[in-house]
N, C-alpha and C. Protein backbone atom coordinates (compact mmCIF):
# COMPACT_ATOMS: atom_id res chain seq x y z
N UNK A 1 87.07 126.79 95.57
CA UNK A 1 86.04 125.71 94.57
C UNK A 1 84.93 124.86 95.42
N UNK A 2 83.70 125.46 94.90
CA UNK A 2 82.13 124.52 95.06
C UNK A 2 82.78 122.97 95.98
N UNK A 3 82.60 123.34 96.76
CA UNK A 3 82.23 121.95 98.13
C UNK A 3 80.75 121.20 97.17
N UNK A 4 81.52 119.60 96.53
CA UNK A 4 79.69 119.19 96.01
C UNK A 4 80.00 117.38 96.24
N UNK A 5 78.96 117.67 97.00
CA UNK A 5 77.99 116.12 97.65
C UNK A 5 77.82 115.32 96.27
N UNK A 6 78.97 114.51 95.89
CA UNK A 6 78.46 113.31 94.62
C UNK A 6 78.46 112.56 95.48
N UNK A 7 77.59 111.48 94.66
CA UNK A 7 77.91 110.24 94.75
C UNK A 7 77.25 109.05 94.30
N UNK A 8 78.03 107.77 93.45
CA UNK A 8 77.36 106.90 92.61
C UNK A 8 76.64 106.30 92.93
N UNK A 9 75.90 106.18 92.15
CA UNK A 9 74.39 105.35 92.02
C UNK A 9 73.82 104.19 90.67
N UNK A 10 73.47 102.82 91.21
CA UNK A 10 73.56 102.42 90.25
C UNK A 10 72.04 102.44 89.31
N UNK A 11 71.47 102.92 90.03
CA UNK A 11 69.59 103.66 89.30
C UNK A 11 70.22 104.09 88.12
N UNK A 12 68.63 104.47 87.06
CA UNK A 12 68.94 104.41 86.49
C UNK A 12 68.01 106.36 86.74
N UNK A 13 68.44 107.50 85.76
CA UNK A 13 68.17 108.81 86.60
C UNK A 13 67.60 109.86 85.73
N UNK A 14 66.58 110.03 85.76
CA UNK A 14 65.66 111.10 84.87
C UNK A 14 65.64 112.04 85.13
N UNK A 15 65.93 113.49 84.34
CA UNK A 15 65.51 114.63 84.59
C UNK A 15 63.53 114.48 85.42
N UNK A 16 63.68 115.06 86.47
CA UNK A 16 61.74 115.50 86.67
C UNK A 16 61.53 114.03 87.94
N UNK A 17 62.48 113.51 88.09
CA UNK A 17 61.95 112.43 88.85
C UNK A 17 62.29 112.40 90.16
N UNK A 18 61.89 111.74 91.04
CA UNK A 18 63.28 111.16 92.57
C UNK A 18 63.70 109.65 92.76
N UNK A 19 64.90 110.04 92.89
CA UNK A 19 65.54 108.82 93.20
C UNK A 19 65.53 108.63 95.04
N UNK A 20 65.32 107.23 94.98
CA UNK A 20 65.69 106.83 96.55
C UNK A 20 66.96 106.23 96.14
N UNK A 21 67.71 107.09 97.50
CA UNK A 21 69.55 106.51 97.09
C UNK A 21 69.36 105.18 98.33
N UNK A 22 70.16 104.19 97.91
CA UNK A 22 70.61 102.68 99.38
C UNK A 22 70.93 103.61 100.66
N UNK A 23 70.68 103.17 101.56
CA UNK A 23 70.62 102.83 102.94
C UNK A 23 72.53 103.27 103.71
N UNK A 24 73.40 102.97 102.11
CA UNK A 24 74.64 103.52 102.37
C UNK A 24 74.96 105.08 102.47
N UNK A 25 74.39 105.66 101.34
CA UNK A 25 74.16 106.63 100.57
C UNK A 25 73.18 107.35 101.48
N UNK A 26 72.33 107.29 102.05
CA UNK A 26 71.19 107.93 103.28
C UNK A 26 72.38 108.45 104.65
N UNK A 27 72.54 107.29 104.24
CA UNK A 27 73.69 106.86 106.64
C UNK A 27 74.59 108.16 105.71
N UNK A 28 74.97 108.28 104.75
CA UNK A 28 76.04 109.11 104.01
C UNK A 28 75.39 110.75 104.22
N UNK A 29 74.10 111.00 104.07
CA UNK A 29 73.63 112.18 103.38
C UNK A 29 73.39 112.88 104.94
N UNK A 30 72.72 111.54 106.07
CA UNK A 30 72.34 112.30 106.92
C UNK A 30 72.74 112.54 108.43
N UNK A 31 73.91 111.34 108.39
CA UNK A 31 74.44 110.87 109.51
C UNK A 31 76.22 111.30 109.50
N UNK A 32 76.39 111.53 108.07
CA UNK A 32 77.52 112.22 108.45
C UNK A 32 78.37 113.84 107.90
N UNK A 33 77.18 113.57 106.51
CA UNK A 33 77.36 115.41 106.39
C UNK A 33 76.67 115.66 107.05
N UNK A 34 75.24 115.31 107.04
CA UNK A 34 74.56 116.13 108.11
C UNK A 34 73.22 116.65 106.84
N UNK A 35 73.39 116.95 106.25
CA UNK A 35 72.64 117.25 104.40
C UNK A 35 71.39 117.22 105.12
N UNK A 36 70.27 119.13 105.09
CA UNK A 36 69.09 118.82 104.59
C UNK A 36 68.04 119.06 103.17
N UNK A 37 66.70 118.94 103.84
CA UNK A 37 66.15 119.26 102.55
C UNK A 37 66.40 120.32 102.27
N UNK A 38 66.31 120.97 100.96
CA UNK A 38 66.84 122.02 100.59
C UNK A 38 68.26 121.53 99.92
N UNK A 39 69.01 121.03 100.04
CA UNK A 39 70.68 121.05 99.75
C UNK A 39 70.44 120.12 98.21
N UNK A 40 72.21 120.61 98.11
CA UNK A 40 71.81 120.52 96.73
C UNK A 40 72.57 118.96 96.65
N UNK A 41 72.35 118.30 95.70
CA UNK A 41 73.32 116.83 95.79
C UNK A 41 73.39 116.38 95.13
N UNK A 42 74.55 115.68 94.37
CA UNK A 42 75.16 115.48 92.58
C UNK A 42 74.80 113.96 92.58
N UNK A 43 74.12 113.23 91.49
CA UNK A 43 74.70 111.85 91.47
C UNK A 43 74.92 111.41 90.02
N UNK A 44 75.52 110.57 89.83
CA UNK A 44 76.40 109.87 88.63
C UNK A 44 76.21 108.43 88.31
N UNK A 45 75.99 107.67 87.61
CA UNK A 45 75.50 106.03 87.71
C UNK A 45 76.48 105.24 86.36
N UNK A 46 77.23 106.18 85.27
CA UNK A 46 78.27 105.72 84.88
C UNK A 46 77.71 105.55 83.16
N UNK A 47 76.19 106.57 83.75
CA UNK A 47 76.33 107.07 82.08
C UNK A 47 76.99 107.91 80.98
N UNK A 48 77.88 109.09 81.92
CA UNK A 48 78.65 109.92 81.25
C UNK A 48 77.51 111.14 82.28
N UNK A 49 77.30 111.23 82.65
CA UNK A 49 76.31 112.50 83.02
C UNK A 49 76.17 112.29 84.51
N UNK A 50 76.22 114.03 84.80
CA UNK A 50 76.46 114.07 85.91
C UNK A 50 75.12 114.45 86.23
N UNK A 51 73.64 114.56 87.78
CA UNK A 51 72.54 114.56 87.63
C UNK A 51 72.73 115.48 88.92
N UNK A 52 72.43 116.57 89.03
CA UNK A 52 72.22 117.79 90.06
C UNK A 52 70.42 117.89 90.25
N UNK A 53 70.41 117.55 91.84
CA UNK A 53 69.12 117.73 92.64
C UNK A 53 69.68 117.42 93.87
N UNK A 54 68.04 118.06 94.14
CA UNK A 54 68.05 119.08 95.82
C UNK A 54 67.24 117.83 96.54
N UNK A 55 67.91 118.18 97.77
CA UNK A 55 67.61 117.08 98.85
C UNK A 55 66.18 116.70 99.49
N UNK A 56 65.06 116.08 99.35
CA UNK A 56 63.63 116.10 99.81
C UNK A 56 63.82 115.09 101.16
N UNK A 57 62.49 115.51 101.61
CA UNK A 57 62.59 113.91 102.98
C UNK A 57 62.73 113.03 102.27
N UNK A 58 61.80 112.47 101.61
CA UNK A 58 61.44 110.79 100.94
C UNK A 58 62.49 111.00 99.60
N UNK A 59 63.62 111.43 99.48
CA UNK A 59 63.96 110.83 98.28
C UNK A 59 65.37 112.12 97.74
N UNK A 60 65.60 111.83 96.29
CA UNK A 60 66.61 113.15 95.97
C UNK A 60 65.18 113.91 94.14
N UNK A 61 65.21 114.51 94.07
CA UNK A 61 64.41 115.16 93.68
C UNK A 61 65.53 115.21 92.12
N UNK A 62 65.33 114.81 91.04
CA UNK A 62 66.63 115.41 89.41
C UNK A 62 66.05 116.50 89.36
N UNK A 63 67.00 117.29 88.92
CA UNK A 63 66.44 118.97 88.20
C UNK A 63 67.31 119.31 87.20
N UNK A 64 68.81 118.48 86.54
CA UNK A 64 68.91 118.77 85.44
C UNK A 64 70.32 117.80 85.59
N UNK A 65 70.46 117.69 84.04
CA UNK A 65 72.07 116.65 83.94
C UNK A 65 72.98 117.38 83.35
N UNK A 66 74.10 116.94 83.07
CA UNK A 66 75.03 117.63 81.74
C UNK A 66 76.12 116.96 82.16
N UNK A 67 76.69 116.65 81.11
CA UNK A 67 78.19 115.64 80.62
C UNK A 67 78.41 116.26 80.64
N UNK A 68 80.34 115.41 81.39
CA UNK A 68 81.43 115.50 81.17
C UNK A 68 82.58 115.39 80.01
N UNK A 69 83.54 116.43 79.93
CA UNK A 69 84.44 116.33 78.87
C UNK A 69 85.12 115.02 78.86
N UNK A 70 85.43 114.10 77.87
CA UNK A 70 85.79 112.90 78.48
C UNK A 70 87.49 113.07 77.92
N UNK A 71 88.65 112.54 78.12
CA UNK A 71 89.52 111.99 77.97
C UNK A 71 89.55 112.25 76.09
N UNK A 72 90.59 112.43 75.89
CA UNK A 72 90.69 112.49 74.04
C UNK A 72 91.44 110.61 74.05
N UNK A 73 92.08 110.05 75.23
CA UNK A 73 93.06 108.50 75.14
C UNK A 73 91.80 108.16 75.57
N UNK A 74 91.72 106.58 75.35
CA UNK A 74 91.64 105.80 75.90
C UNK A 74 92.66 104.78 76.13
N UNK A 75 92.51 105.24 77.37
CA UNK A 75 94.11 104.25 78.22
C UNK A 75 93.15 103.33 79.14
N UNK A 76 94.32 102.30 79.32
CA UNK A 76 94.45 101.13 79.81
C UNK A 76 95.70 100.33 80.50
N UNK A 77 95.54 100.54 81.87
CA UNK A 77 96.80 100.63 82.77
C UNK A 77 96.42 98.78 83.43
N UNK A 78 98.33 98.25 82.75
CA UNK A 78 98.46 96.86 83.62
C UNK A 78 99.16 97.43 84.11
N UNK A 79 98.92 97.14 85.42
CA UNK A 79 100.07 97.10 86.87
C UNK A 79 99.90 95.83 87.12
N UNK A 80 101.44 95.23 87.67
CA UNK A 80 101.59 94.94 88.46
C UNK A 80 101.56 94.98 90.25
N UNK A 81 100.67 93.70 91.08
CA UNK A 81 100.49 94.82 92.00
C UNK A 81 101.44 94.62 93.03
N UNK A 82 101.72 96.24 93.60
CA UNK A 82 102.64 96.28 94.61
C UNK A 82 102.49 95.89 95.69
N UNK A 83 103.56 96.10 96.84
CA UNK A 83 103.17 95.13 98.83
C UNK A 83 101.76 96.12 99.10
N UNK A 84 101.35 96.04 100.29
CA UNK A 84 100.82 97.11 100.90
C UNK A 84 99.32 97.77 99.54
N UNK A 85 98.94 98.48 100.11
CA UNK A 85 98.23 99.41 99.87
C UNK A 85 98.66 100.45 98.33
N UNK A 86 99.70 99.63 97.80
CA UNK A 86 100.46 100.47 96.97
C UNK A 86 99.11 100.27 95.62
N UNK A 87 98.66 99.40 95.40
CA UNK A 87 97.41 99.21 94.15
C UNK A 87 96.91 99.94 94.26
N UNK A 88 96.05 100.49 95.91
CA UNK A 88 94.86 101.72 95.73
C UNK A 88 95.60 102.73 95.34
N UNK A 89 97.06 103.42 95.77
CA UNK A 89 97.06 104.67 95.10
C UNK A 89 96.91 104.54 94.16
N UNK A 90 97.28 103.38 93.01
CA UNK A 90 97.42 103.68 91.28
C UNK A 90 96.08 103.78 91.21
N UNK A 91 95.05 102.93 91.57
CA UNK A 91 94.31 103.41 91.27
C UNK A 91 93.24 104.46 91.39
N UNK A 92 93.56 104.79 92.57
CA UNK A 92 92.94 106.46 92.51
C UNK A 92 94.00 107.50 91.81
N UNK A 93 94.64 107.16 92.15
CA UNK A 93 95.27 108.33 90.84
C UNK A 93 95.25 108.33 89.45
N UNK A 94 95.39 106.72 89.08
CA UNK A 94 94.85 106.19 87.58
C UNK A 94 93.26 107.13 87.41
N UNK A 95 92.51 107.09 88.36
CA UNK A 95 90.83 107.48 87.95
C UNK A 95 91.05 108.50 88.46
N UNK A 96 91.73 109.21 88.40
CA UNK A 96 91.63 110.85 88.98
C UNK A 96 92.06 111.75 87.11
N UNK A 97 92.87 110.97 86.50
CA UNK A 97 94.11 111.45 85.61
C UNK A 97 93.07 111.10 84.19
N UNK A 98 91.92 110.18 84.36
CA UNK A 98 91.01 109.58 83.36
C UNK A 98 91.25 108.40 82.22
N UNK A 99 92.14 107.11 83.30
CA UNK A 99 92.43 105.98 82.44
C UNK A 99 90.19 105.35 82.64
N UNK A 100 90.46 104.39 81.34
CA UNK A 100 89.56 103.94 80.84
C UNK A 100 88.97 102.44 81.79
N UNK A 101 90.44 101.93 81.79
CA UNK A 101 90.46 101.02 82.87
C UNK A 101 91.59 100.08 83.09
N UNK A 102 91.77 99.35 84.07
CA UNK A 102 93.11 99.14 85.41
C UNK A 102 93.07 97.48 85.11
N UNK A 103 93.97 97.08 85.04
CA UNK A 103 93.88 95.48 85.21
C UNK A 103 95.35 95.21 85.92
N UNK A 104 95.09 94.70 87.68
CA UNK A 104 95.79 94.29 88.18
C UNK A 104 97.03 93.07 88.22
N UNK A 105 98.04 92.39 87.67
CA UNK A 105 98.43 91.88 87.25
C UNK A 105 99.34 90.85 88.98
N UNK A 106 99.95 89.91 88.59
CA UNK A 106 100.95 88.82 88.68
C UNK A 106 101.76 88.45 88.07
N UNK A 107 103.61 88.24 88.18
CA UNK A 107 104.11 88.68 87.34
C UNK A 107 105.04 87.83 88.28
N UNK A 108 106.56 87.02 87.53
CA UNK A 108 107.75 86.76 88.13
C UNK A 108 107.91 87.02 89.49
N UNK A 109 108.16 88.54 89.13
CA UNK A 109 108.95 89.15 90.46
C UNK A 109 107.59 90.09 91.52
N UNK A 110 106.60 89.51 91.33
CA UNK A 110 105.42 90.22 92.19
C UNK A 110 106.13 89.68 93.82
N UNK A 111 105.19 90.97 94.55
CA UNK A 111 106.07 91.02 95.68
C UNK A 111 104.26 90.02 95.94
N UNK A 112 103.19 90.95 96.04
CA UNK A 112 101.75 90.69 96.68
C UNK A 112 101.59 89.15 95.62
N UNK A 113 100.83 88.89 96.81
CA UNK A 113 99.79 87.94 95.81
C UNK A 113 98.77 87.18 96.01
N UNK A 114 97.78 88.73 96.96
CA UNK A 114 96.87 89.33 97.14
C UNK A 114 95.31 88.88 95.41
N UNK A 115 94.38 87.65 95.66
CA UNK A 115 93.50 88.18 94.72
C UNK A 115 92.03 87.89 95.46
N UNK A 116 91.97 88.83 96.34
CA UNK A 116 90.53 89.18 97.12
C UNK A 116 90.67 89.81 97.19
N UNK A 117 91.20 91.08 96.08
CA UNK A 117 91.36 92.44 96.87
C UNK A 117 89.63 93.65 95.60
N UNK A 118 89.03 93.12 94.66
CA UNK A 118 88.76 93.73 93.08
C UNK A 118 87.94 94.82 93.84
N UNK A 119 86.36 93.96 94.70
CA UNK A 119 85.84 94.33 95.68
C UNK A 119 86.28 95.82 96.32
N UNK A 120 87.57 95.62 96.92
CA UNK A 120 88.40 96.85 97.34
C UNK A 120 88.77 97.81 96.48
N UNK A 121 88.99 97.30 95.16
CA UNK A 121 89.87 98.76 94.12
C UNK A 121 88.61 99.25 93.36
N UNK A 122 87.31 98.08 93.44
CA UNK A 122 86.54 99.16 92.76
C UNK A 122 85.90 99.74 93.02
N UNK A 123 85.59 99.99 94.94
CA UNK A 123 84.99 100.68 95.80
C UNK A 123 86.35 102.26 95.99
N UNK A 124 87.59 101.62 96.11
CA UNK A 124 88.75 102.86 95.73
C UNK A 124 88.17 104.13 94.05
N UNK A 125 87.88 103.06 93.21
CA UNK A 125 87.96 103.56 91.91
C UNK A 125 86.78 104.64 92.37
N UNK A 126 85.64 104.27 92.56
CA UNK A 126 84.02 104.72 93.00
C UNK A 126 84.43 106.10 93.90
N UNK A 127 84.55 106.02 94.81
CA UNK A 127 85.56 107.29 95.56
C UNK A 127 86.27 108.21 94.77
N UNK A 128 87.29 107.80 93.98
CA UNK A 128 88.07 108.78 93.65
C UNK A 128 86.95 109.35 92.60
N UNK A 129 86.32 108.70 91.68
CA UNK A 129 85.70 109.24 90.87
C UNK A 129 84.36 110.16 91.28
N UNK A 130 83.73 109.65 92.31
CA UNK A 130 82.95 111.33 93.21
C UNK A 130 84.34 112.05 93.59
N UNK A 131 84.83 112.13 93.61
CA UNK A 131 86.51 113.03 94.91
C UNK A 131 86.71 114.07 93.37
N UNK A 132 86.37 113.14 92.35
CA UNK A 132 87.70 114.36 91.28
C UNK A 132 86.00 114.79 90.25
N UNK A 133 85.09 114.52 90.85
CA UNK A 133 84.07 115.36 89.64
C UNK A 133 83.84 114.12 87.90
N UNK A 134 84.55 112.89 88.19
CA UNK A 134 84.16 112.34 86.90
C UNK A 134 83.04 111.58 87.07
N UNK A 135 82.11 111.48 85.89
CA UNK A 135 81.00 110.78 85.98
C UNK A 135 80.92 109.21 85.63
N UNK A 136 81.97 108.49 85.24
CA UNK A 136 82.46 107.35 84.94
C UNK A 136 82.88 106.91 85.56
N UNK A 137 83.07 105.69 85.88
CA UNK A 137 84.12 104.53 86.82
C UNK A 137 84.83 103.35 86.04
N UNK A 138 85.94 103.82 86.22
CA UNK A 138 86.76 103.09 85.31
C UNK A 138 86.89 101.85 85.67
N UNK A 139 87.06 100.65 84.68
CA UNK A 139 86.60 99.20 85.26
C UNK A 139 88.01 99.23 85.99
N UNK A 140 87.58 97.97 86.32
CA UNK A 140 89.29 97.45 87.26
C UNK A 140 88.71 95.51 87.54
N UNK A 141 89.38 95.28 86.58
CA UNK A 141 89.13 94.02 85.71
C UNK A 141 90.10 93.04 86.92
N UNK A 142 89.76 91.35 86.66
CA UNK A 142 89.81 90.93 88.08
C UNK A 142 91.79 90.92 87.98
N UNK A 143 92.08 90.73 88.77
CA UNK A 143 94.14 90.46 88.58
C UNK A 143 94.32 88.68 87.81
N UNK A 144 95.53 89.31 86.44
CA UNK A 144 95.96 88.09 85.78
C UNK A 144 96.89 87.91 85.95
N UNK A 145 97.73 86.61 85.28
CA UNK A 145 99.08 86.47 85.19
C UNK A 145 99.72 87.39 84.19
N UNK A 146 100.30 87.86 83.98
CA UNK A 146 100.71 89.18 82.81
C UNK A 146 101.49 88.38 81.94
N UNK A 147 101.35 87.14 81.64
CA UNK A 147 101.63 86.10 80.42
C UNK A 147 99.93 86.36 80.02
N UNK A 148 98.98 85.71 80.82
CA UNK A 148 97.73 85.52 80.33
C UNK A 148 97.08 86.97 79.70
N UNK A 149 97.49 88.44 80.72
CA UNK A 149 97.36 89.53 80.26
C UNK A 149 97.88 89.85 78.34
N UNK A 150 98.59 89.54 78.51
CA UNK A 150 99.80 89.89 77.24
C UNK A 150 99.15 89.00 76.01
N UNK A 151 98.11 87.53 76.29
CA UNK A 151 97.57 87.38 74.77
C UNK A 151 96.71 87.60 74.52
N UNK A 152 96.07 88.76 75.33
CA UNK A 152 94.63 89.27 74.79
C UNK A 152 94.75 90.21 73.69
N UNK A 153 93.54 90.44 72.76
CA UNK A 153 93.83 91.22 72.13
C UNK A 153 93.97 92.09 71.58
N UNK A 154 94.95 93.20 72.33
CA UNK A 154 95.19 94.41 72.79
C UNK A 154 95.41 95.22 71.63
N UNK A 155 94.68 96.22 71.25
CA UNK A 155 95.09 97.32 70.26
C UNK A 155 95.52 98.46 70.36
N UNK A 156 95.71 99.64 69.52
CA UNK A 156 96.32 100.74 70.15
C UNK A 156 97.69 100.32 69.78
N UNK A 157 98.12 101.46 70.80
CA UNK A 157 99.60 102.04 71.03
C UNK A 157 99.92 100.93 72.20
N UNK A 158 100.86 100.15 72.87
CA UNK A 158 100.97 99.34 73.53
C UNK A 158 102.80 99.61 74.21
N UNK A 159 102.80 100.43 74.90
CA UNK A 159 104.00 100.58 75.61
C UNK A 159 104.14 99.66 77.51
N UNK A 160 105.60 99.77 76.91
CA UNK A 160 106.40 98.98 77.94
C UNK A 160 107.02 99.24 79.09
N UNK A 161 107.09 99.91 79.68
CA UNK A 161 108.34 100.91 80.51
C UNK A 161 109.13 100.65 81.40
N UNK A 162 110.15 100.94 80.87
CA UNK A 162 111.73 100.07 81.32
C UNK A 162 112.64 100.96 81.55
N UNK A 163 113.11 101.12 81.76
CA UNK A 163 114.72 102.01 82.24
C UNK A 163 115.11 102.23 80.67
N UNK A 164 115.79 102.48 80.00
CA UNK A 164 116.40 103.16 78.91
C UNK A 164 115.78 103.19 77.53
N UNK A 165 113.80 103.43 78.11
CA UNK A 165 113.05 103.24 77.04
C UNK A 165 112.96 104.77 76.06
N UNK A 166 112.41 104.54 74.78
CA UNK A 166 111.71 105.40 74.48
C UNK A 166 110.99 106.80 75.70
N UNK A 167 111.74 107.92 75.06
CA UNK A 167 110.48 109.17 75.54
C UNK A 167 109.31 109.17 75.21
N UNK A 168 108.24 109.51 76.09
CA UNK A 168 106.77 109.87 75.25
C UNK A 168 107.02 110.50 74.64
N UNK A 169 107.38 111.63 74.23
CA UNK A 169 106.74 112.68 72.86
C UNK A 169 107.91 111.87 71.80
N UNK A 170 108.22 111.04 71.50
CA UNK A 170 108.58 110.13 70.33
C UNK A 170 108.27 109.06 70.13
N UNK A 171 106.96 109.07 70.40
CA UNK A 171 106.65 107.39 70.05
C UNK A 171 105.64 108.37 69.49
N UNK A 172 104.63 107.65 68.46
CA UNK A 172 103.92 107.79 67.66
C UNK A 172 102.28 107.26 68.93
N UNK A 173 101.48 107.70 69.70
CA UNK A 173 100.33 107.84 70.50
C UNK A 173 99.61 107.92 69.30
N UNK A 174 98.61 106.01 69.67
CA UNK A 174 97.12 105.77 69.17
C UNK A 174 96.42 106.70 69.87
N UNK A 175 94.53 106.87 69.71
CA UNK A 175 93.72 106.90 70.31
C UNK A 175 93.58 106.29 71.66
N UNK A 176 93.66 104.87 71.28
CA UNK A 176 93.68 104.36 72.31
C UNK A 176 95.14 103.48 72.67
N UNK A 177 95.70 103.86 74.31
CA UNK A 177 97.03 103.43 74.63
C UNK A 177 97.26 102.50 76.11
N UNK A 178 97.75 100.91 76.06
CA UNK A 178 97.97 99.71 76.99
C UNK A 178 99.53 100.47 77.71
N UNK A 179 99.39 100.52 78.40
CA UNK A 179 100.34 100.92 79.32
C UNK A 179 100.53 99.81 80.47
N UNK A 180 102.30 98.89 80.48
CA UNK A 180 102.71 98.17 80.80
C UNK A 180 103.55 98.40 82.30
N UNK A 181 103.04 98.19 83.72
CA UNK A 181 103.99 99.11 84.67
C UNK A 181 104.14 97.84 85.72
N UNK A 182 106.06 97.27 85.75
CA UNK A 182 106.07 96.11 86.41
C UNK A 182 106.45 96.13 87.98
N UNK A 183 106.80 95.33 88.78
CA UNK A 183 106.99 95.96 89.95
C UNK A 183 108.13 95.84 90.75
N UNK A 184 107.97 96.12 91.80
CA UNK A 184 109.82 96.55 92.69
C UNK A 184 110.95 96.68 91.81
N UNK A 185 110.52 94.88 91.95
CA UNK A 185 112.22 94.15 91.12
C UNK A 185 111.82 94.42 90.15
N UNK A 186 111.03 95.27 89.01
CA UNK A 186 111.16 95.25 87.45
C UNK A 186 111.17 93.78 86.84
N UNK A 187 110.68 93.74 85.02
CA UNK A 187 110.33 92.45 85.18
C UNK A 187 111.04 91.36 84.64
N UNK A 188 110.68 90.51 84.84
CA UNK A 188 111.44 89.48 83.91
C UNK A 188 112.12 89.26 82.39
N UNK A 189 113.17 88.73 82.40
CA UNK A 189 113.37 89.11 80.54
C UNK A 189 112.33 87.91 79.48
N UNK A 190 111.76 87.02 80.08
CA UNK A 190 110.75 86.13 79.61
C UNK A 190 109.56 87.45 79.43
N UNK A 191 109.53 88.16 80.61
CA UNK A 191 108.03 88.61 80.05
C UNK A 191 108.36 90.12 79.43
N UNK A 192 109.73 91.09 79.04
CA UNK A 192 109.97 91.49 77.94
C UNK A 192 109.93 91.56 76.30
N UNK A 193 110.28 90.50 76.39
CA UNK A 193 110.17 89.44 75.85
C UNK A 193 109.08 89.48 74.72
N UNK A 194 108.14 88.94 75.95
CA UNK A 194 106.46 88.04 75.67
C UNK A 194 106.00 89.38 75.18
N UNK A 195 106.30 90.77 75.77
CA UNK A 195 106.11 92.10 75.35
C UNK A 195 105.93 92.09 73.74
N UNK A 196 107.83 92.23 73.98
CA UNK A 196 108.31 92.67 72.69
C UNK A 196 107.31 91.49 71.49
N UNK A 197 107.18 90.85 72.04
CA UNK A 197 106.56 89.65 71.12
C UNK A 197 104.74 90.23 70.83
N UNK A 198 104.66 91.19 71.29
CA UNK A 198 103.05 90.99 70.60
C UNK A 198 103.46 92.59 70.67
N UNK A 199 104.60 93.35 70.32
CA UNK A 199 104.06 94.54 69.32
C UNK A 199 104.62 95.83 70.66
N UNK A 200 104.69 95.06 71.86
CA UNK A 200 104.78 96.65 72.47
C UNK A 200 106.41 97.27 72.75
N UNK A 201 106.57 98.34 73.00
CA UNK A 201 107.18 99.01 72.75
C UNK A 201 107.99 99.27 73.77
N UNK A 202 109.24 99.84 74.21
CA UNK A 202 109.79 100.15 75.54
C UNK A 202 109.82 101.47 75.24
N UNK A 203 109.18 102.23 76.43
CA UNK A 203 108.60 103.42 76.63
C UNK A 203 110.28 103.94 77.88
N UNK A 204 109.89 105.55 78.29
CA UNK A 204 111.27 105.13 79.15
C UNK A 204 110.53 106.46 80.05
N UNK A 205 110.64 107.12 81.28
CA UNK A 205 110.80 107.96 82.30
C UNK A 205 111.17 108.84 82.86
N UNK A 206 112.05 109.23 81.83
CA UNK A 206 113.22 109.77 82.62
C UNK A 206 114.25 109.35 83.31
N UNK A 207 115.53 109.68 83.49
CA UNK A 207 116.61 109.15 84.19
C UNK A 207 116.38 108.65 85.57
N UNK A 208 116.19 108.88 85.88
CA UNK A 208 115.65 108.42 86.96
C UNK A 208 114.94 107.25 87.60
N UNK A 209 114.76 106.24 88.36
CA UNK A 209 113.98 105.23 88.40
C UNK A 209 113.02 105.06 89.23
N UNK A 210 111.82 104.87 88.25
CA UNK A 210 110.62 105.28 89.06
C UNK A 210 110.07 104.25 89.93
N UNK A 211 109.30 104.31 91.52
CA UNK A 211 108.84 103.76 91.85
C UNK A 211 107.45 103.16 91.94
N UNK A 212 107.24 101.75 91.53
CA UNK A 212 106.23 101.50 90.80
C UNK A 212 105.16 101.58 90.38
N UNK A 213 104.15 102.32 91.90
CA UNK A 213 103.14 103.19 91.94
C UNK A 213 103.91 104.74 91.32
N UNK A 214 104.75 105.24 91.32
CA UNK A 214 104.59 106.00 90.32
C UNK A 214 104.75 105.93 89.05
N UNK A 215 105.21 105.15 88.65
CA UNK A 215 105.76 105.33 87.32
C UNK A 215 104.26 105.34 86.35
N UNK A 216 103.16 104.54 86.70
CA UNK A 216 102.13 104.65 85.81
C UNK A 216 101.62 105.84 86.63
N UNK A 217 100.82 106.44 87.15
CA UNK A 217 100.73 107.92 87.33
C UNK A 217 101.72 108.49 85.85
N UNK A 218 102.05 108.40 86.17
CA UNK A 218 103.85 109.80 85.22
C UNK A 218 103.50 109.50 84.16
N UNK A 219 103.17 108.26 83.96
CA UNK A 219 103.70 108.09 82.61
C UNK A 219 101.94 108.28 81.73
N UNK A 220 100.70 108.00 82.90
CA UNK A 220 99.48 108.93 82.60
C UNK A 220 99.34 110.11 82.34
N UNK A 221 99.77 111.04 83.11
CA UNK A 221 100.01 112.22 83.15
C UNK A 221 100.90 112.91 82.04
N UNK A 222 101.70 112.22 81.60
CA UNK A 222 102.00 112.27 80.64
C UNK A 222 101.47 112.85 78.59
N UNK A 223 101.13 111.10 78.78
CA UNK A 223 99.94 111.05 77.56
C UNK A 223 98.84 112.51 77.75
N UNK A 224 98.30 112.08 78.46
CA UNK A 224 96.87 113.26 78.85
C UNK A 224 97.53 114.90 78.34
N UNK A 225 99.20 114.82 78.74
CA UNK A 225 99.47 116.14 78.68
C UNK A 225 99.43 116.55 77.19
N UNK A 226 99.94 115.19 76.86
CA UNK A 226 100.36 115.81 75.36
C UNK A 226 98.94 115.37 74.54
N UNK A 227 98.08 114.95 74.61
CA UNK A 227 96.69 114.74 74.31
C UNK A 227 96.21 115.99 74.63
N UNK A 228 96.37 116.86 75.35
CA UNK A 228 96.32 118.11 75.48
C UNK A 228 94.97 118.21 76.22
N UNK A 229 94.65 117.04 77.35
CA UNK A 229 93.65 117.21 78.11
C UNK A 229 93.71 117.29 79.97
N UNK A 230 95.20 118.05 79.84
CA UNK A 230 95.50 118.39 81.50
C UNK A 230 96.37 119.70 80.49
């Protein structure tokens, strides 16, 4: 498969015009990748389009644009934060699988209490979007307590994944899907009851108990496959 040198920029991009990337991107292009004038560069800026260009001495000349095929589902993942770098893995893989947004959560049985990783998590989503040829970066929301998140106006299908829940193929899935994944120690019963009160359905992921960082990824993959996205 062709190697594409892709970068996320905040600039407005227009075919036929030249853009001067940030110093960080220029360092990556010239010092890390050692690209030269005439090499192809691909940019995206959350507009849903990818812009192809050619590297010149004083910038990147935009030559064409193309639109990505978006997922048929708008998947919103709410994931209780795991210990260490598990949330990085979840964000990386959820981005690759096409989620719309991710909300890190704290729960009664949370191990991690990290509150200052939002910039890092956003950077993980950006890097993953670059790698998987995705033109939009999923929103990574500020962390919330699970009870706060459940009070929001959540539309569409609402899935709470716990042992013994229904298989996804037996649930009526609407175009918007909210996925709630618990911590290593599982949900507290009050959290399960609060989710049920907000219209959540108990979903299951088979007979084995999955790690918290595996459960959300597996659920998204199953949903996308059922929707014809994979």
